[in-house]
Amino acid sequence: MGNYMITPQENTFYNKGLWEAYAAGQIKEAISKEYAFTAEGVAQAHTDLASRKTTGKLVVKIAK
C-alpha cells in the first residue's frame, strides 16, 4: 500500500478497519487448495499454479 498510504496514522486507520471486517466475517479468504509440505506436495502446488487451473490462494501446510 506504499503509494496509497501517506502517513503511518492513515495506514493504521485503514488496517484496523480491514482486520475488524475480517474478524466479523465480512471478508473471506479464498483458498483454492492445500498441499502437504513434502517434495511431492510442493511440486504439485507449483504444477497447479503454473497451469493456471487454480483460483484463490494455494496453501502449503507445515506440520507442527
PDB file of N, CA and C in Angstrom:
ATOM      1  N   MET A   1       0.819  -1.189   0.000  1.00  0.00           N
ATOM      2  CA  MET A   1       0.000   0.000   0.000  1.00  0.00           C
ATOM      3  C   MET A   1       0.864   1.254   0.000  1.00  0.00           C
ATOM      4  N   GLY A   2       2.122   1.099  -0.302  1.00  0.00           N
ATOM      5  CA  GLY A   2       3.054   2.207  -0.226  1.00  0.00           C
ATOM      6  C   GLY A   2       2.615   3.461  -0.943  1.00  0.00           C
ATOM      7  N   ASN A   3       2.070   3.344  -2.142  1.00  0.00           N
ATOM      8  CA  ASN A   3       1.686   4.522  -2.914  1.00  0.00           C
ATOM      9  C   ASN A   3       0.340   5.092  -2.500  1.00  0.00           C
ATOM     10  N   TYR A   4      -0.418   4.373  -1.685  1.00  0.00           N
ATOM     11  CA  TYR A   4      -1.756   4.807  -1.334  1.00  0.00           C
ATOM     12  C   TYR A   4      -1.857   5.353   0.089  1.00  0.00           C
ATOM     13  N   MET A   5      -0.951   4.959   0.943  1.00  0.00           N
ATOM     14  CA  MET A   5      -0.959   5.422   2.323  1.00  0.00           C
ATOM     15  C   MET A   5       0.122   6.490   2.484  1.00  0.00           C
ATOM     16  N   ILE A   6      -0.278   7.604   3.044  1.00  0.00           N
ATOM     17  CA  ILE A   6       0.664   8.710   3.146  1.00  0.00           C
ATOM     18  C   ILE A   6       1.327   8.760   4.515  1.00  0.00           C
ATOM     19  N   THR A   7       0.562   8.546   5.551  1.00  0.00           N
ATOM     20  CA  THR A   7       1.118   8.645   6.900  1.00  0.00           C
ATOM     21  C   THR A   7       0.949   7.312   7.635  1.00  0.00           C
ATOM     22  N   PRO A   8       1.761   7.060   8.643  1.00  0.00           N
ATOM     23  CA  PRO A   8       1.568   5.856   9.454  1.00  0.00           C
ATOM     24  C   PRO A   8       0.181   5.817  10.111  1.00  0.00           C
ATOM     25  N   GLN A   9      -0.348   6.955  10.481  1.00  0.00           N
ATOM     26  CA  GLN A   9      -1.669   7.014  11.096  1.00  0.00           C
ATOM     27  C   GLN A   9      -2.750   6.577  10.109  1.00  0.00           C
ATOM     28  N   GLU A  10      -2.618   7.010   8.870  1.00  0.00           N
ATOM     29  CA  GLU A  10      -3.575   6.610   7.836  1.00  0.00           C
ATOM     30  C   GLU A  10      -3.497   5.095   7.599  1.00  0.00           C
ATOM     31  N   ASN A  11      -2.302   4.566   7.565  1.00  0.00           N
ATOM     32  CA  ASN A  11      -2.099   3.133   7.404  1.00  0.00           C
ATOM     33  C   ASN A  11      -2.756   2.369   8.556  1.00  0.00           C
ATOM     34  N   THR A  12      -2.550   2.819   9.775  1.00  0.00           N
ATOM     35  CA  THR A  12      -3.154   2.185  10.947  1.00  0.00           C
ATOM     36  C   THR A  12      -4.672   2.233  10.879  1.00  0.00           C
ATOM     37  N   PHE A  13      -5.216   3.361  10.493  1.00  0.00           N
ATOM     38  CA  PHE A  13      -6.663   3.531  10.392  1.00  0.00           C
ATOM     39  C   PHE A  13      -7.277   2.517   9.431  1.00  0.00           C
ATOM     40  N   TYR A  14      -6.723   2.409   8.224  1.00  0.00           N
ATOM     41  CA  TYR A  14      -7.292   1.509   7.223  1.00  0.00           C
ATOM     42  C   TYR A  14      -7.042   0.041   7.566  1.00  0.00           C
ATOM     43  N   ASN A  15      -5.882  -0.273   8.108  1.00  0.00           N
ATOM     44  CA  ASN A  15      -5.609  -1.654   8.504  1.00  0.00           C
ATOM     45  C   ASN A  15      -6.535  -2.100   9.623  1.00  0.00           C
ATOM     46  N   LYS A  16      -6.820  -1.216  10.564  1.00  0.00           N
ATOM     47  CA  LYS A  16      -7.731  -1.547  11.666  1.00  0.00           C
ATOM     48  C   LYS A  16      -9.109  -1.899  11.110  1.00  0.00           C
ATOM     49  N   GLY A  17      -9.587  -1.113  10.185  1.00  0.00           N
ATOM     50  CA  GLY A  17     -10.888  -1.382   9.567  1.00  0.00           C
ATOM     51  C   GLY A  17     -10.896  -2.689   8.798  1.00  0.00           C
ATOM     52  N   LEU A  18      -9.812  -2.969   8.106  1.00  0.00           N
ATOM     53  CA  LEU A  18      -9.705  -4.215   7.340  1.00  0.00           C
ATOM     54  C   LEU A  18      -9.766  -5.425   8.257  1.00  0.00           C
ATOM     55  N   TRP A  19      -8.967  -5.413   9.332  1.00  0.00           N
ATOM     56  CA  TRP A  19      -8.935  -6.560  10.247  1.00  0.00           C
ATOM     57  C   TRP A  19     -10.230  -6.701  11.037  1.00  0.00           C
ATOM     58  N   GLU A  20     -10.885  -5.603  11.344  1.00  0.00           N
ATOM     59  CA  GLU A  20     -12.182  -5.680  12.014  1.00  0.00           C
ATOM     60  C   GLU A  20     -13.217  -6.337  11.099  1.00  0.00           C
ATOM     61  N   ALA A  21     -13.205  -5.983   9.822  1.00  0.00           N
ATOM     62  CA  ALA A  21     -14.132  -6.588   8.862  1.00  0.00           C
ATOM     63  C   ALA A  21     -13.842  -8.075   8.699  1.00  0.00           C
ATOM     64  N   TYR A  22     -12.568  -8.441   8.684  1.00  0.00           N
ATOM     65  CA  TYR A  22     -12.202  -9.856   8.576  1.00  0.00           C
ATOM     66  C   TYR A  22     -12.662 -10.631   9.813  1.00  0.00           C
ATOM     67  N   ALA A  23     -12.423 -10.084  10.982  1.00  0.00           N
ATOM     68  CA  ALA A  23     -12.816 -10.741  12.229  1.00  0.00           C
ATOM     69  C   ALA A  23     -14.335 -10.891  12.330  1.00  0.00           C
ATOM     70  N   ALA A  24     -15.078  -9.964  11.762  1.00  0.00           N
ATOM     71  CA  ALA A  24     -16.540 -10.013  11.793  1.00  0.00           C
ATOM     72  C   ALA A  24     -17.115 -10.937  10.723  1.00  0.00           C
ATOM     73  N   GLY A  25     -16.254 -11.515   9.889  1.00  0.00           N
ATOM     74  CA  GLY A  25     -16.707 -12.425   8.850  1.00  0.00           C
ATOM     75  C   GLY A  25     -17.210 -11.739   7.593  1.00  0.00           C
ATOM     76  N   GLN A  26     -16.936 -10.444   7.462  1.00  0.00           N
ATOM     77  CA  GLN A  26     -17.379  -9.710   6.288  1.00  0.00           C
ATOM     78  C   GLN A  26     -16.444  -9.920   5.094  1.00  0.00           C
ATOM     79  N   ILE A  27     -15.241 -10.398   5.364  1.00  0.00           N
ATOM     80  CA  ILE A  27     -14.250 -10.679   4.317  1.00  0.00           C
ATOM     81  C   ILE A  27     -13.837 -12.133   4.480  1.00  0.00           C
ATOM     82  N   LYS A  28     -13.875 -12.875   3.400  1.00  0.00           N
ATOM     83  CA  LYS A  28     -13.492 -14.290   3.431  1.00  0.00           C
ATOM     84  C   LYS A  28     -12.258 -14.493   2.558  1.00  0.00           C
ATOM     85  N   GLU A  29     -11.361 -15.358   3.039  1.00  0.00           N
ATOM     86  CA  GLU A  29     -10.207 -15.694   2.224  1.00  0.00           C
ATOM     87  C   GLU A  29     -10.614 -16.758   1.210  1.00  0.00           C
ATOM     88  N   ALA A  30      -9.977 -16.753   0.068  1.00  0.00           N
ATOM     89  CA  ALA A  30     -10.274 -17.725  -0.992  1.00  0.00           C
ATOM     90  C   ALA A  30      -9.091 -18.679  -1.110  1.00  0.00           C
ATOM     91  N   ILE A  31      -9.200 -19.825  -0.450  1.00  0.00           N
ATOM     92  CA  ILE A  31      -8.135 -20.826  -0.526  1.00  0.00           C
ATOM     93  C   ILE A  31      -8.570 -21.871  -1.539  1.00  0.00           C
ATOM     94  N   SER A  32      -7.806 -21.986  -2.613  1.00  0.00           N
ATOM     95  CA  SER A  32      -8.132 -22.918  -3.679  1.00  0.00           C
ATOM     96  C   SER A  32      -7.841 -24.351  -3.272  1.00  0.00           C
ATOM     97  N   LYS A  33      -6.657 -24.591  -2.689  1.00  0.00           N
ATOM     98  CA  LYS A  33      -6.269 -25.943  -2.315  1.00  0.00           C
ATOM     99  C   LYS A  33      -5.136 -25.886  -1.301  1.00  0.00           C
ATOM    100  N   GLU A  34      -5.055 -26.930  -0.470  1.00  0.00           N
ATOM    101  CA  GLU A  34      -3.969 -27.054   0.499  1.00  0.00           C
ATOM    102  C   GLU A  34      -3.091 -28.240   0.109  1.00  0.00           C
ATOM    103  N   TYR A  35      -1.786 -28.080   0.318  1.00  0.00           N
ATOM    104  CA  TYR A  35      -0.810 -29.102  -0.039  1.00  0.00           C
ATOM    105  C   TYR A  35       0.064 -29.415   1.164  1.00  0.00           C
ATOM    106  N   ALA A  36       0.535 -30.654   1.215  1.00  0.00           N
ATOM    107  CA  ALA A  36       1.455 -31.050   2.280  1.00  0.00           C
ATOM    108  C   ALA A  36       2.829 -30.448   2.010  1.00  0.00           C
ATOM    109  N   PHE A  37       3.566 -30.187   3.070  1.00  0.00           N
ATOM    110  CA  PHE A  37       4.926 -29.650   2.941  1.00  0.00           C
ATOM    111  C   PHE A  37       5.891 -30.819   2.737  1.00  0.00           C
ATOM    112  N   THR A  38       5.771 -31.428   1.577  1.00  0.00           N
ATOM    113  CA  THR A  38       6.647 -32.517   1.156  1.00  0.00           C
ATOM    114  C   THR A  38       7.121 -32.179  -0.244  1.00  0.00           C
ATOM    115  N   ALA A  39       8.101 -32.912  -0.728  1.00  0.00           N
ATOM    116  CA  ALA A  39       8.590 -32.663  -2.088  1.00  0.00           C
ATOM    117  C   ALA A  39       7.451 -32.830  -3.095  1.00  0.00           C
ATOM    118  N   GLU A  40       6.637 -33.864  -2.899  1.00  0.00           N
ATOM    119  CA  GLU A  40       5.527 -34.110  -3.826  1.00  0.00           C
ATOM    120  C   GLU A  40       4.454 -33.034  -3.715  1.00  0.00           C
ATOM    121  N   GLY A  41       4.126 -32.644  -2.488  1.00  0.00           N
ATOM    122  CA  GLY A  41       3.105 -31.625  -2.285  1.00  0.00           C
ATOM    123  C   GLY A  41       3.491 -30.278  -2.862  1.00  0.00           C
ATOM    124  N   VAL A  42       4.728 -29.873  -2.628  1.00  0.00           N
ATOM    125  CA  VAL A  42       5.210 -28.589  -3.150  1.00  0.00           C
ATOM    126  C   VAL A  42       5.299 -28.642  -4.672  1.00  0.00           C
ATOM    127  N   ALA A  43       5.739 -29.782  -5.225  1.00  0.00           N
ATOM    128  CA  ALA A  43       5.808 -29.924  -6.680  1.00  0.00           C
ATOM    129  C   ALA A  43       4.412 -29.823  -7.290  1.00  0.00           C
ATOM    130  N   GLN A  44       3.418 -30.451  -6.643  1.00  0.00           N
ATOM    131  CA  GLN A  44       2.047 -30.387  -7.157  1.00  0.00           C
ATOM    132  C   GLN A  44       1.499 -28.968  -7.068  1.00  0.00           C
ATOM    133  N   ALA A  45       1.806 -28.268  -5.985  1.00  0.00           N
ATOM    134  CA  ALA A  45       1.372 -26.872  -5.848  1.00  0.00           C
ATOM    135  C   ALA A  45       1.965 -26.027  -6.977  1.00  0.00           C
ATOM    136  N   HIS A  46       3.228 -26.235  -7.272  1.00  0.00           N
ATOM    137  CA  HIS A  46       3.881 -25.479  -8.338  1.00  0.00           C
ATOM    138  C   HIS A  46       3.261 -25.814  -9.687  1.00  0.00           C
ATOM    139  N   THR A  47       2.999 -27.093  -9.925  1.00  0.00           N
ATOM    140  CA  THR A  47       2.370 -27.510 -11.185  1.00  0.00           C
ATOM    141  C   THR A  47       0.996 -26.889 -11.335  1.00  0.00           C
ATOM    142  N   ASP A  48       0.198 -26.944 -10.266  1.00  0.00           N
ATOM    143  CA  ASP A  48      -1.151 -26.365 -10.320  1.00  0.00           C
ATOM    144  C   ASP A  48      -1.102 -24.865 -10.549  1.00  0.00           C
ATOM    145  N   LEU A  49      -0.166 -24.198  -9.909  1.00  0.00           N
ATOM    146  CA  LEU A  49      -0.030 -22.749 -10.074  1.00  0.00           C
ATOM    147  C   LEU A  49       0.398 -22.404 -11.497  1.00  0.00           C
ATOM    148  N   ALA A  50       1.385 -23.124 -12.009  1.00  0.00           N
ATOM    149  CA  ALA A  50       1.903 -22.851 -13.350  1.00  0.00           C
ATOM    150  C   ALA A  50       0.868 -23.159 -14.435  1.00  0.00           C
ATOM    151  N   SER A  51      -0.015 -24.112 -14.169  1.00  0.00           N
ATOM    152  CA  SER A  51      -1.024 -24.485 -15.165  1.00  0.00           C
ATOM    153  C   SER A  51      -2.192 -23.500 -15.205  1.00  0.00           C
ATOM    154  N   ARG A  52      -2.231 -22.601 -14.221  1.00  0.00           N
ATOM    155  CA  ARG A  52      -3.280 -21.578 -14.128  1.00  0.00           C
ATOM    156  C   ARG A  52      -4.670 -22.197 -13.997  1.00  0.00           C
ATOM    157  N   LYS A  53      -4.740 -23.348 -13.344  1.00  0.00           N
ATOM    158  CA  LYS A  53      -6.015 -24.032 -13.134  1.00  0.00           C
ATOM    159  C   LYS A  53      -6.615 -23.713 -11.771  1.00  0.00           C
ATOM    160  N   THR A  54      -6.020 -22.814 -11.044  1.00  0.00           N
ATOM    161  CA  THR A  54      -6.466 -22.530  -9.683  1.00  0.00           C
ATOM    162  C   THR A  54      -7.093 -21.146  -9.596  1.00  0.00           C
ATOM    163  N   THR A  55      -7.918 -20.971  -8.589  1.00  0.00           N
ATOM    164  CA  THR A  55      -8.417 -19.642  -8.224  1.00  0.00           C
ATOM    165  C   THR A  55      -8.194 -19.512  -6.735  1.00  0.00           C
ATOM    166  N   GLY A  56      -7.929 -18.345  -6.276  1.00  0.00           N
ATOM    167  CA  GLY A  56      -7.648 -18.154  -4.856  1.00  0.00           C
ATOM    168  C   GLY A  56      -6.199 -18.500  -4.540  1.00  0.00           C
ATOM    169  N   LYS A  57      -5.948 -18.732  -3.277  1.00  0.00           N
ATOM    170  CA  LYS A  57      -4.592 -18.976  -2.794  1.00  0.00           C
ATOM    171  C   LYS A  57      -4.306 -20.463  -2.704  1.00  0.00           C
ATOM    172  N   LEU A  58      -3.050 -20.812  -2.894  1.00  0.00           N
ATOM    173  CA  LEU A  58      -2.579 -22.169  -2.664  1.00  0.00           C
ATOM    174  C   LEU A  58      -1.810 -22.143  -1.347  1.00  0.00           C
ATOM    175  N   VAL A  59      -2.132 -23.069  -0.459  1.00  0.00           N
ATOM    176  CA  VAL A  59      -1.529 -23.086   0.874  1.00  0.00           C
ATOM    177  C   VAL A  59      -0.717 -24.350   1.037  1.00  0.00           C
ATOM    178  N   VAL A  60       0.553 -24.190   1.414  1.00  0.00           N
ATOM    179  CA  VAL A  60       1.404 -25.334   1.748  1.00  0.00           C
ATOM    180  C   VAL A  60       1.402 -25.435   3.272  1.00  0.00           C
ATOM    181  N   LYS A  61       0.833 -26.531   3.775  1.00  0.00           N
ATOM    182  CA  LYS A  61       0.679 -26.731   5.217  1.00  0.00           C
ATOM    183  C   LYS A  61       1.962 -27.313   5.799  1.00  0.00           C
ATOM    184  N   ILE A  62       2.486 -26.664   6.816  1.00  0.00           N
ATOM    185  CA  ILE A  62       3.674 -27.129   7.520  1.00  0.00           C
ATOM    186  C   ILE A  62       3.221 -27.741   8.842  1.00  0.00           C
ATOM    187  N   ALA A  63       3.535 -29.036   9.030  1.00  0.00           N
ATOM    188  CA  ALA A  63       3.132 -29.728  10.252  1.00  0.00           C
ATOM    189  C   ALA A  63       3.902 -29.161  11.438  1.00  0.00           C
ATOM    190  N   LYS A  64       3.259 -29.175  12.618  1.00  0.00           N
ATOM    191  CA  LYS A  64       3.922 -28.676  13.826  1.00  0.00           C
ATOM    192  C   LYS A  64       4.691 -29.771  14.485  1.00  0.00           C
TER     193      LYS A  64
END
